[in-house]
Amino acid sequence: MRLATTPQIFARQGIDAPCTIRTALERGVRPAVGFQNPEDVVRDPHLTFREKREILSSWASDASAVQDEPRLRWLLGTVEPVPWQDVIAALKRLDALQAGRDDRPQ
């Protein structure tokens, strides 16, 4: 599945690439389309650390909480809800990668 962060998707939306996540959001492109779980965001080679953090933070926010299931988050554009703990774990892994201390195999 192609991610909404790729130039091809931006072109279909009528947005000139290169385009930042912020510009895409302002123009109505959903950056989470194509991500199945928070770890997919961490692994995306086309996003900056800041862009990854923005997507993961929006996924972790209360606005993405599933009604009557506060431990689950369902970001618009994703296939199914994910546990809040998975989002937080991805944010911590992103911090470790940015600091250059990720020991986990890729």
Protein backbone atom coordinates (compact mmCIF):
# COMPACT_ATOMS: atom_id res chain seq x y z
CA MET A 1 0.00 0.00 0.00
CA ARG A 2 1.31 3.44 -0.90
CA LEU A 3 1.42 5.95 1.91
CA ALA A 4 -0.12 9.40 1.78
CA THR A 5 3.37 10.79 2.26
CA THR A 6 4.56 9.73 -1.19
CA PRO A 7 4.78 12.16 -4.12
CA GLN A 8 2.41 9.99 -6.17
CA ILE A 9 -0.37 10.33 -3.59
CA PHE A 10 0.25 14.06 -3.29
CA ALA A 11 0.03 14.38 -7.09
CA ARG A 12 -3.33 12.59 -7.13
CA GLN A 13 -4.54 15.05 -4.51
CA GLY A 14 -3.40 17.94 -6.70
CA ILE A 15 -0.57 18.92 -4.35
CA ASP A 16 2.87 19.68 -5.72
CA ALA A 17 5.66 17.55 -4.26
CA PRO A 18 7.78 17.90 -2.28
CA CYS A 19 5.24 18.62 0.35
CA THR A 20 5.49 18.55 4.12
CA ILE A 21 3.09 16.71 6.40
CA ARG A 22 1.89 20.08 7.71
CA THR A 23 1.10 21.31 4.18
CA ALA A 24 -0.65 18.03 3.41
CA LEU A 25 -2.78 18.32 6.54
CA GLU A 26 -3.68 21.90 5.64
CA ARG A 27 -4.80 20.68 2.23
CA GLY A 28 -6.83 17.76 3.54
CA VAL A 29 -4.49 14.83 2.87
CA ARG A 30 -4.59 12.29 5.68
CA PRO A 31 -0.98 11.31 6.46
CA ALA A 32 -1.97 8.14 8.29
CA VAL A 33 -3.47 6.49 5.22
CA GLY A 34 -1.54 3.31 4.59
CA PHE A 35 -0.13 2.89 8.09
CA GLN A 36 -1.41 -0.29 9.72
CA ASN A 37 0.18 0.31 13.11
CA PRO A 38 2.43 2.84 14.88
CA GLU A 39 5.59 0.84 14.10
CA ASP A 40 4.94 1.44 10.37
CA VAL A 41 5.27 5.16 11.07
CA VAL A 42 8.60 4.64 12.85
CA ARG A 43 9.94 2.60 9.92
CA ASP A 44 8.81 4.95 7.13
CA PRO A 45 12.00 6.10 5.36
CA HIS A 46 10.36 9.15 3.76
CA LEU A 47 9.32 10.91 6.95
CA THR A 48 11.48 13.06 9.19
CA PHE A 49 11.61 12.41 12.92
CA ARG A 50 9.42 15.48 13.42
CA GLU A 51 6.81 14.26 10.92
CA LYS A 52 6.78 10.80 12.50
CA ARG A 53 6.31 12.36 15.92
CA GLU A 54 3.41 14.49 14.62
CA ILE A 55 1.62 11.44 13.22
CA LEU A 56 2.23 9.32 16.32
CA SER A 57 1.19 12.15 18.63
CA SER A 58 -2.06 12.62 16.75
CA TRP A 59 -2.63 8.86 17.04
CA ALA A 60 -1.99 9.01 20.79
CA SER A 61 -4.25 11.99 21.42
CA ASP A 62 -7.58 11.71 23.20
CA ALA A 63 -9.25 12.87 19.98
CA SER A 64 -8.39 9.47 18.49
CA ALA A 65 -9.75 7.47 21.44
CA VAL A 66 -12.39 4.87 20.63
CA GLN A 67 -15.65 5.67 22.40
CA ASP A 68 -16.08 3.54 25.51
CA GLU A 69 -12.61 1.99 24.92
CA PRO A 70 -10.11 4.57 26.21
CA ARG A 71 -7.17 2.18 25.86
CA LEU A 72 -7.71 2.01 22.08
CA ARG A 73 -6.87 4.66 19.49
CA TRP A 74 -8.22 4.78 15.96
CA LEU A 75 -6.60 7.39 13.76
CA LEU A 76 -8.60 8.48 10.73
CA GLY A 77 -7.25 6.64 7.72
CA THR A 78 -6.14 3.50 9.52
CA VAL A 79 -7.74 0.09 9.11
CA GLU A 80 -8.44 -0.68 12.75
CA PRO A 81 -7.82 0.62 16.26
CA VAL A 82 -4.53 -0.02 18.04
CA PRO A 83 -3.71 -0.16 21.74
CA TRP A 84 -2.58 3.16 23.20
CA GLN A 85 0.48 1.35 24.61
CA ASP A 86 1.61 0.50 21.05
CA VAL A 87 1.56 4.17 20.09
CA ILE A 88 3.55 5.14 23.20
CA ALA A 89 6.04 2.31 22.55
CA ALA A 90 6.52 3.59 18.98
CA LEU A 91 7.14 7.13 20.28
CA LYS A 92 9.76 5.78 22.71
CA ARG A 93 11.42 3.80 19.92
CA LEU A 94 11.47 6.92 17.76
CA ASP A 95 13.22 8.78 20.59
CA ALA A 96 15.81 5.99 20.80
CA LEU A 97 16.37 5.99 17.03
CA GLN A 98 16.78 9.76 17.00
CA ALA A 99 19.29 9.52 19.82
CA GLY A 100 21.15 6.80 17.90
CA ARG A 101 20.72 4.15 20.54
CA ASP A 102 18.19 1.73 19.05
CA ASP A 103 19.45 -1.81 19.68
CA ARG A 104 16.45 -3.56 18.19
CA PRO A 105 17.05 -5.45 14.90
CA GLN A 106 15.39 -3.89 11.87
